[in-house]
Each structure stands twice: as structure tokens, then as C-alpha cells.
PDB file of N, CA and C in Angstrom:
ATOM      1  N   UNK A   1       5.377  -3.283   2.654  1.00  0.00           N
ATOM      2  CA  UNK A   1       4.659  -4.050   3.637  1.00  0.00           C
ATOM      3  C   UNK A   1       5.638  -4.732   4.597  1.00  0.00           C
ATOM      4  N   UNK A   2       6.786  -5.084   4.072  1.00  0.00           N
ATOM      5  CA  UNK A   2       7.782  -5.725   4.930  1.00  0.00           C
ATOM      6  C   UNK A   2       8.260  -4.771   6.018  1.00  0.00           C
ATOM      7  N   UNK A   3       8.357  -3.498   5.677  1.00  0.00           N
ATOM      8  CA  UNK A   3       8.792  -2.506   6.667  1.00  0.00           C
ATOM      9  C   UNK A   3       7.787  -2.404   7.814  1.00  0.00           C
ATOM     10  N   UNK A   4       6.506  -2.507   7.480  1.00  0.00           N
ATOM     11  CA  UNK A   4       5.475  -2.446   8.526  1.00  0.00           C
ATOM     12  C   UNK A   4       5.601  -3.659   9.452  1.00  0.00           C
ATOM     13  N   UNK A   5       5.844  -4.823   8.869  1.00  0.00           N
ATOM     14  CA  UNK A   5       6.007  -6.033   9.679  1.00  0.00           C
ATOM     15  C   UNK A   5       7.251  -5.942  10.562  1.00  0.00           C
ATOM     16  N   UNK A   6       8.320  -5.419  10.017  1.00  0.00           N
ATOM     17  CA  UNK A   6       9.566  -5.276  10.779  1.00  0.00           C
ATOM     18  C   UNK A   6       9.359  -4.318  11.957  1.00  0.00           C
ATOM     19  N   UNK A   7       8.677  -3.201  11.699  1.00  0.00           N
ATOM     20  CA  UNK A   7       8.416  -2.232  12.770  1.00  0.00           C
ATOM     21  C   UNK A   7       7.551  -2.856  13.857  1.00  0.00           C
ATOM     22  N   UNK A   8       6.529  -3.612  13.454  1.00  0.00           N
ATOM     23  CA  UNK A   8       5.658  -4.259  14.442  1.00  0.00           C
ATOM     24  C   UNK A   8       6.461  -5.247  15.282  1.00  0.00           C
ATOM     25  N   UNK A   9       7.325  -5.974  14.639  1.00  0.00           N
ATOM     26  CA  UNK A   9       8.180  -6.926  15.357  1.00  0.00           C
ATOM     27  C   UNK A   9       9.086  -6.201  16.359  1.00  0.00           C
ATOM     28  N   UNK A  10       9.615  -5.057  15.944  1.00  0.00           N
ATOM     29  CA  UNK A  10      10.464  -4.263  16.833  1.00  0.00           C
ATOM     30  C   UNK A  10       9.673  -3.766  18.038  1.00  0.00           C
ATOM     31  N   UNK A  11       8.455  -3.296  17.807  1.00  0.00           N
ATOM     32  CA  UNK A  11       7.616  -2.825  18.911  1.00  0.00           C
ATOM     33  C   UNK A  11       7.272  -3.976  19.860  1.00  0.00           C
ATOM     34  N   UNK A  12       7.012  -5.158  19.316  1.00  0.00           N
ATOM     35  CA  UNK A  12       6.756  -6.319  20.173  1.00  0.00           C
ATOM     36  C   UNK A  12       7.971  -6.616  21.054  1.00  0.00           C
ATOM     37  N   UNK A  13       9.137  -6.512  20.464  1.00  0.00           N
ATOM     38  CA  UNK A  13      10.364  -6.762  21.224  1.00  0.00           C
ATOM     39  C   UNK A  13      10.531  -5.725  22.345  1.00  0.00           C
ATOM     40  N   UNK A  14      10.294  -4.463  22.029  1.00  0.00           N
ATOM     41  CA  UNK A  14      10.399  -3.399  23.043  1.00  0.00           C
ATOM     42  C   UNK A  14       9.412  -3.657  24.177  1.00  0.00           C
ATOM     43  N   UNK A  15       8.193  -4.065  23.819  1.00  0.00           N
ATOM     44  CA  UNK A  15       7.187  -4.342  24.847  1.00  0.00           C
ATOM     45  C   UNK A  15       7.620  -5.488  25.766  1.00  0.00           C
ATOM     46  N   UNK A  16       8.361  -6.436  25.220  1.00  0.00           N
ATOM     47  CA  UNK A  16       8.809  -7.558  26.054  1.00  0.00           C
ATOM     48  C   UNK A  16       9.914  -7.155  27.032  1.00  0.00           C
ATOM     49  N   UNK A  17      10.522  -5.990  26.811  1.00  0.00           N
ATOM     50  CA  UNK A  17      11.628  -5.544  27.651  1.00  0.00           C
ATOM     51  C   UNK A  17      11.216  -4.637  28.808  1.00  0.00           C
ATOM     52  N   UNK A  18       9.986  -4.165  28.785  1.00  0.00           N
ATOM     53  CA  UNK A  18       9.600  -3.163  29.787  1.00  0.00           C
ATOM     54  C   UNK A  18       8.296  -3.526  30.471  1.00  0.00           C
ATOM     55  N   UNK A  19       8.120  -2.955  31.650  1.00  0.00           N
ATOM     56  CA  UNK A  19       6.843  -3.055  32.343  1.00  0.00           C
ATOM     57  C   UNK A  19       6.356  -1.663  32.765  1.00  0.00           C
ATOM     58  N   UNK A  20       6.990  -0.638  32.222  1.00  0.00           N
ATOM     59  CA  UNK A  20       6.631   0.750  32.531  1.00  0.00           C
ATOM     60  C   UNK A  20       5.412   1.157  31.696  1.00  0.00           C
ATOM     61  N   UNK A  21       4.294   1.488  32.344  1.00  0.00           N
ATOM     62  CA  UNK A  21       3.077   1.858  31.618  1.00  0.00           C
ATOM     63  C   UNK A  21       3.263   3.095  30.721  1.00  0.00           C
ATOM     64  N   UNK A  22       4.179   3.995  31.123  1.00  0.00           N
ATOM     65  CA  UNK A  22       4.421   5.194  30.314  1.00  0.00           C
ATOM     66  C   UNK A  22       5.171   4.874  29.020  1.00  0.00           C
ATOM     67  N   UNK A  23       5.795   3.745  28.964  1.00  0.00           N
ATOM     68  CA  UNK A  23       6.463   3.289  27.738  1.00  0.00           C
ATOM     69  C   UNK A  23       5.526   2.372  26.954  1.00  0.00           C
ATOM     70  N   UNK A  24       4.805   1.528  27.651  1.00  0.00           N
ATOM     71  CA  UNK A  24       3.943   0.540  27.014  1.00  0.00           C
ATOM     72  C   UNK A  24       2.839   1.196  26.184  1.00  0.00           C
ATOM     73  N   UNK A  25       2.181   2.216  26.724  1.00  0.00           N
ATOM     74  CA  UNK A  25       1.045   2.838  26.034  1.00  0.00           C
ATOM     75  C   UNK A  25       1.421   3.392  24.653  1.00  0.00           C
ATOM     76  N   UNK A  26       2.457   4.240  24.533  1.00  0.00           N
ATOM     77  CA  UNK A  26       2.780   4.751  23.193  1.00  0.00           C
ATOM     78  C   UNK A  26       3.308   3.668  22.252  1.00  0.00           C
ATOM     79  N   UNK A  27       4.023   2.687  22.781  1.00  0.00           N
ATOM     80  CA  UNK A  27       4.542   1.614  21.934  1.00  0.00           C
ATOM     81  C   UNK A  27       3.380   0.768  21.393  1.00  0.00           C
ATOM     82  N   UNK A  28       2.387   0.513  22.215  1.00  0.00           N
ATOM     83  CA  UNK A  28       1.206  -0.223  21.736  1.00  0.00           C
ATOM     84  C   UNK A  28       0.483   0.562  20.648  1.00  0.00           C
ATOM     85  N   UNK A  29       0.385   1.879  20.839  1.00  0.00           N
ATOM     86  CA  UNK A  29      -0.246   2.716  19.821  1.00  0.00           C
ATOM     87  C   UNK A  29       0.519   2.608  18.503  1.00  0.00           C
ATOM     88  N   UNK A  30       1.849   2.710  18.574  1.00  0.00           N
ATOM     89  CA  UNK A  30       2.662   2.637  17.366  1.00  0.00           C
ATOM     90  C   UNK A  30       2.545   1.267  16.704  1.00  0.00           C
ATOM     91  N   UNK A  31       2.494   0.216  17.503  1.00  0.00           N
ATOM     92  CA  UNK A  31       2.350  -1.135  16.958  1.00  0.00           C
ATOM     93  C   UNK A  31       1.011  -1.278  16.240  1.00  0.00           C
ATOM     94  N   UNK A  32      -0.059  -0.781  16.834  1.00  0.00           N
ATOM     95  CA  UNK A  32      -1.384  -0.846  16.204  1.00  0.00           C
ATOM     96  C   UNK A  32      -1.403  -0.050  14.905  1.00  0.00           C
ATOM     97  N   UNK A  33      -0.705   1.072  14.885  1.00  0.00           N
ATOM     98  CA  UNK A  33      -0.634   1.883  13.673  1.00  0.00           C
ATOM     99  C   UNK A  33       0.058   1.116  12.544  1.00  0.00           C
ATOM    100  N   UNK A  34       1.096   0.374  12.882  1.00  0.00           N
ATOM    101  CA  UNK A  34       1.794  -0.429  11.871  1.00  0.00           C
ATOM    102  C   UNK A  34       0.885  -1.523  11.310  1.00  0.00           C
ATOM    103  N   UNK A  35       0.051  -2.091  12.163  1.00  0.00           N
ATOM    104  CA  UNK A  35      -0.896  -3.115  11.712  1.00  0.00           C
ATOM    105  C   UNK A  35      -1.870  -2.501  10.697  1.00  0.00           C
ATOM    106  N   UNK A  36      -2.377  -1.324  11.005  1.00  0.00           N
ATOM    107  CA  UNK A  36      -3.307  -0.650  10.090  1.00  0.00           C
ATOM    108  C   UNK A  36      -2.609  -0.302   8.777  1.00  0.00           C
ATOM    109  N   UNK A  37      -1.381   0.185   8.848  1.00  0.00           N
ATOM    110  CA  UNK A  37      -0.626   0.487   7.626  1.00  0.00           C
ATOM    111  C   UNK A  37      -0.459  -0.766   6.775  1.00  0.00           C
ATOM    112  N   UNK A  38      -0.115  -1.869   7.414  1.00  0.00           N
ATOM    113  CA  UNK A  38       0.054  -3.135   6.697  1.00  0.00           C
ATOM    114  C   UNK A  38      -1.245  -3.515   5.977  1.00  0.00           C
ATOM    115  N   UNK A  39      -2.364  -3.368   6.661  1.00  0.00           N
ATOM    116  CA  UNK A  39      -3.653  -3.705   6.060  1.00  0.00           C
ATOM    117  C   UNK A  39      -3.963  -2.800   4.871  1.00  0.00           C
ATOM    118  N   UNK A  40      -3.717  -1.497   5.019  1.00  0.00           N
ATOM    119  CA  UNK A  40      -4.013  -0.559   3.930  1.00  0.00           C
ATOM    120  C   UNK A  40      -3.106  -0.797   2.720  1.00  0.00           C
ATOM    121  N   UNK A  41      -1.814  -1.065   2.965  1.00  0.00           N
ATOM    122  CA  UNK A  41      -0.915  -1.378   1.859  1.00  0.00           C
ATOM    123  C   UNK A  41      -1.354  -2.661   1.171  1.00  0.00           C
ATOM    124  N   UNK A  42      -1.817  -3.629   1.939  1.00  0.00           N
ATOM    125  CA  UNK A  42      -2.321  -4.876   1.362  1.00  0.00           C
ATOM    126  C   UNK A  42      -3.533  -4.638   0.479  1.00  0.00           C
ATOM    127  N   UNK A  43      -4.445  -3.772   0.935  1.00  0.00           N
ATOM    128  CA  UNK A  43      -5.624  -3.435   0.136  1.00  0.00           C
ATOM    129  C   UNK A  43      -5.218  -2.720  -1.152  1.00  0.00           C
ATOM    130  N   UNK A  44      -4.260  -1.813  -1.048  1.00  0.00           N
ATOM    131  CA  UNK A  44      -3.793  -1.097  -2.237  1.00  0.00           C
ATOM    132  C   UNK A  44      -3.124  -2.050  -3.216  1.00  0.00           C
ATOM    133  N   UNK A  45      -2.325  -2.966  -2.713  1.00  0.00           N
ATOM    134  CA  UNK A  45      -1.667  -3.945  -3.569  1.00  0.00           C
ATOM    135  C   UNK A  45      -2.694  -4.825  -4.278  1.00  0.00           C
ATOM    136  N   UNK A  46      -3.719  -5.230  -3.561  1.00  0.00           N
ATOM    137  CA  UNK A  46      -4.777  -6.044  -4.166  1.00  0.00           C
ATOM    138  C   UNK A  46      -5.490  -5.259  -5.264  1.00  0.00           C
ATOM    139  N   UNK A  47      -5.770  -3.984  -5.016  1.00  0.00           N
ATOM    140  CA  UNK A  47      -6.431  -3.142  -6.011  1.00  0.00           C
ATOM    141  C   UNK A  47      -5.574  -3.034  -7.281  1.00  0.00           C
ATOM    142  N   UNK A  48      -4.295  -2.767  -7.109  1.00  0.00           N
ATOM    143  CA  UNK A  48      -3.393  -2.624  -8.248  1.00  0.00           C
ATOM    144  C   UNK A  48      -3.265  -3.948  -8.998  1.00  0.00           C
ATOM    145  N   UNK A  49      -3.146  -5.047  -8.265  1.00  0.00           N
ATOM    146  CA  UNK A  49      -3.043  -6.366  -8.895  1.00  0.00           C
ATOM    147  C   UNK A  49      -4.288  -6.673  -9.723  1.00  0.00           C
ATOM    148  N   UNK A  50      -5.454  -6.393  -9.170  1.00  0.00           N
ATOM    149  CA  UNK A  50      -6.706  -6.617  -9.907  1.00  0.00           C
ATOM    150  C   UNK A  50      -6.772  -5.732 -11.144  1.00  0.00           C
ATOM    151  N   UNK A  51      -6.357  -4.485 -11.003  1.00  0.00           N
ATOM    152  CA  UNK A  51      -6.382  -3.560 -12.137  1.00  0.00           C
ATOM    153  C   UNK A  51      -5.460  -4.044 -13.249  1.00  0.00           C
ATOM    154  N   UNK A  52      -4.254  -4.449 -12.885  1.00  0.00           N
ATOM    155  CA  UNK A  52      -3.291  -4.901 -13.890  1.00  0.00           C
ATOM    156  C   UNK A  52      -3.716  -6.211 -14.550  1.00  0.00           C
ATOM    157  N   UNK A  53      -4.465  -7.044 -13.836  1.00  0.00           N
ATOM    158  CA  UNK A  53      -4.925  -8.309 -14.390  1.00  0.00           C
ATOM    159  C   UNK A  53      -6.146  -8.129 -15.298  1.00  0.00           C
ATOM    160  N   UNK A  54      -6.812  -6.988 -15.171  1.00  0.00           N
ATOM    161  CA  UNK A  54      -8.018  -6.741 -15.960  1.00  0.00           C
ATOM    162  C   UNK A  54      -7.707  -6.492 -17.424  1.00  0.00           C
ATOM    163  N   UNK A  55      -8.729  -6.655 -18.231  1.00  0.00           N
ATOM    164  CA  UNK A  55      -8.600  -6.453 -19.678  1.00  0.00           C
ATOM    165  C   UNK A  55      -8.548  -4.960 -19.981  1.00  0.00           C
ATOM    166  N   UNK A  56      -7.607  -4.598 -20.808  1.00  0.00           N
ATOM    167  CA  UNK A  56      -7.463  -3.193 -21.209  1.00  0.00           C
ATOM    168  C   UNK A  56      -8.005  -3.031 -22.624  1.00  0.00           C
ATOM    169  N   UNK A  57      -8.827  -2.042 -22.837  1.00  0.00           N
ATOM    170  CA  UNK A  57      -9.394  -1.774 -24.151  1.00  0.00           C
ATOM    171  C   UNK A  57      -8.981  -0.368 -24.548  1.00  0.00           C
ATOM    172  N   UNK A  58      -8.351  -0.260 -25.691  1.00  0.00           N
ATOM    173  CA  UNK A  58      -7.914   1.035 -26.186  1.00  0.00           C
ATOM    174  C   UNK A  58      -8.714   1.389 -27.423  1.00  0.00           C
ATOM    175  N   UNK A  59      -9.210   2.597 -27.450  1.00  0.00           N
ATOM    176  CA  UNK A  59     -10.011   3.078 -28.567  1.00  0.00           C
ATOM    177  C   UNK A  59      -9.102   3.854 -29.516  1.00  0.00           C
ATOM    178  N   UNK A  60      -8.792   3.242 -30.658  1.00  0.00           N
ATOM    179  CA  UNK A  60      -7.878   3.852 -31.622  1.00  0.00           C
ATOM    180  C   UNK A  60      -8.473   5.142 -32.184  1.00  0.00           C
ATOM    181  N   UNK A  61      -9.783   5.221 -32.331  1.00  0.00           N
ATOM    182  CA  UNK A  61     -10.390   6.435 -32.887  1.00  0.00           C
ATOM    183  C   UNK A  61     -10.156   7.630 -31.969  1.00  0.00           C
ATOM    184  N   UNK A  62     -10.056   7.386 -30.675  1.00  0.00           N
ATOM    185  CA  UNK A  62      -9.772   8.463 -29.733  1.00  0.00           C
ATOM    186  C   UNK A  62      -8.369   9.017 -29.971  1.00  0.00           C
ATOM    187  N   UNK A  63      -7.416   8.130 -30.253  1.00  0.00           N
ATOM    188  CA  UNK A  63      -6.048   8.562 -30.536  1.00  0.00           C
ATOM    189  C   UNK A  63      -6.004   9.350 -31.837  1.00  0.00           C
ATOM    190  N   UNK A  64      -6.724   8.884 -32.832  1.00  0.00           N
ATOM    191  CA  UNK A  64      -6.749   9.563 -34.136  1.00  0.00           C
ATOM    192  C   UNK A  64      -7.250  10.997 -33.985  1.00  0.00           C
ATOM    193  N   UNK A  65      -8.229  11.202 -33.107  1.00  0.00           N
ATOM    194  CA  UNK A  65      -8.785  12.548 -32.914  1.00  0.00           C
ATOM    195  C   UNK A  65      -7.847  13.460 -32.146  1.00  0.00           C
ATOM    196  N   UNK A  66      -6.981  12.910 -31.326  1.00  0.00           N
ATOM    197  CA  UNK A  66      -6.102  13.730 -30.481  1.00  0.00           C
ATOM    198  C   UNK A  66      -4.766  14.023 -31.125  1.00  0.00           C
ATOM    199  N   UNK A  67      -4.302  13.161 -32.025  1.00  0.00           N
ATOM    200  CA  UNK A  67      -2.976  13.333 -32.614  1.00  0.00           C
ATOM    201  C   UNK A  67      -3.141  13.821 -34.046  1.00  0.00           C
ATOM    202  N   UNK A  68      -2.753  15.070 -34.316  1.00  0.00           N
ATOM    203  CA  UNK A  68      -2.914  15.605 -35.678  1.00  0.00           C
ATOM    204  C   UNK A  68      -2.050  14.844 -36.679  1.00  0.00           C
ATOM    205  N   UNK A  69      -2.616  14.551 -37.813  1.00  0.00           N
ATOM    206  CA  UNK A  69      -1.879  13.887 -38.888  1.00  0.00           C
ATOM    207  C   UNK A  69      -1.760  12.395 -38.730  1.00  0.00           C
ATOM    208  N   UNK A  70      -2.350  11.820 -37.699  1.00  0.00           N
ATOM    209  CA  UNK A  70      -2.220  10.386 -37.498  1.00  0.00           C
ATOM    210  C   UNK A  70      -3.184   9.644 -38.413  1.00  0.00           C
ATOM    211  N   UNK A  71      -2.709   8.574 -39.003  1.00  0.00           N
ATOM    212  CA  UNK A  71      -3.483   7.664 -39.841  1.00  0.00           C
ATOM    213  C   UNK A  71      -3.973   8.331 -41.122  1.00  0.00           C
ATOM    214  N   UNK A  72      -3.261   9.351 -41.582  1.00  0.00           N
ATOM    215  CA  UNK A  72      -3.591   9.944 -42.874  1.00  0.00           C
ATOM    216  C   UNK A  72      -2.883   9.167 -43.962  1.00  0.00           C
ATOM    217  N   UNK A  73      -3.545   9.030 -45.099  1.00  0.00           N
ATOM    218  CA  UNK A  73      -2.952   8.295 -46.224  1.00  0.00           C
ATOM    219  C   UNK A  73      -2.482   9.255 -47.274  1.00  0.00           C
TER     220      UNK A  73
END
């Protein structure tokens, strides 16, 4: 996510240096793309964080059925 912010900052800097419409248009597009990437990475991070914080339930009987010889006495 930091890379997306850095790229957006770089595009903002480039935009401050020029007044050429042929340069401004593609740079604005690239800057907007970085904003969308930042948002999507943020959503993915939130999803992963929620998943990792959730309760995990493991069914031992499922393992017993898949691993031959497990839990034999």
C-alpha cells in the first residue's frame, strides 16, 4: 500500500511541474489508478485481518479419516 501512496505522490509532483495537456491526461489516469489500487489493497488487508482474527475450528475426526493409521491404539 505504501508503494501506491508513493506513486500517487510522484504523479502529483509531476502534475505540478507541467501545464501540457498531453502530459496531464495520462498522468491523471495513472494517479487515479494508484488510488484504486490503494483502496483494493486496503479491502484485501481488511478481509485477511478479519479472517485471521476469527475463530478457527478444526475437526479432528476429519483428520483421522484422511491420515491412515492415525489415532490407532
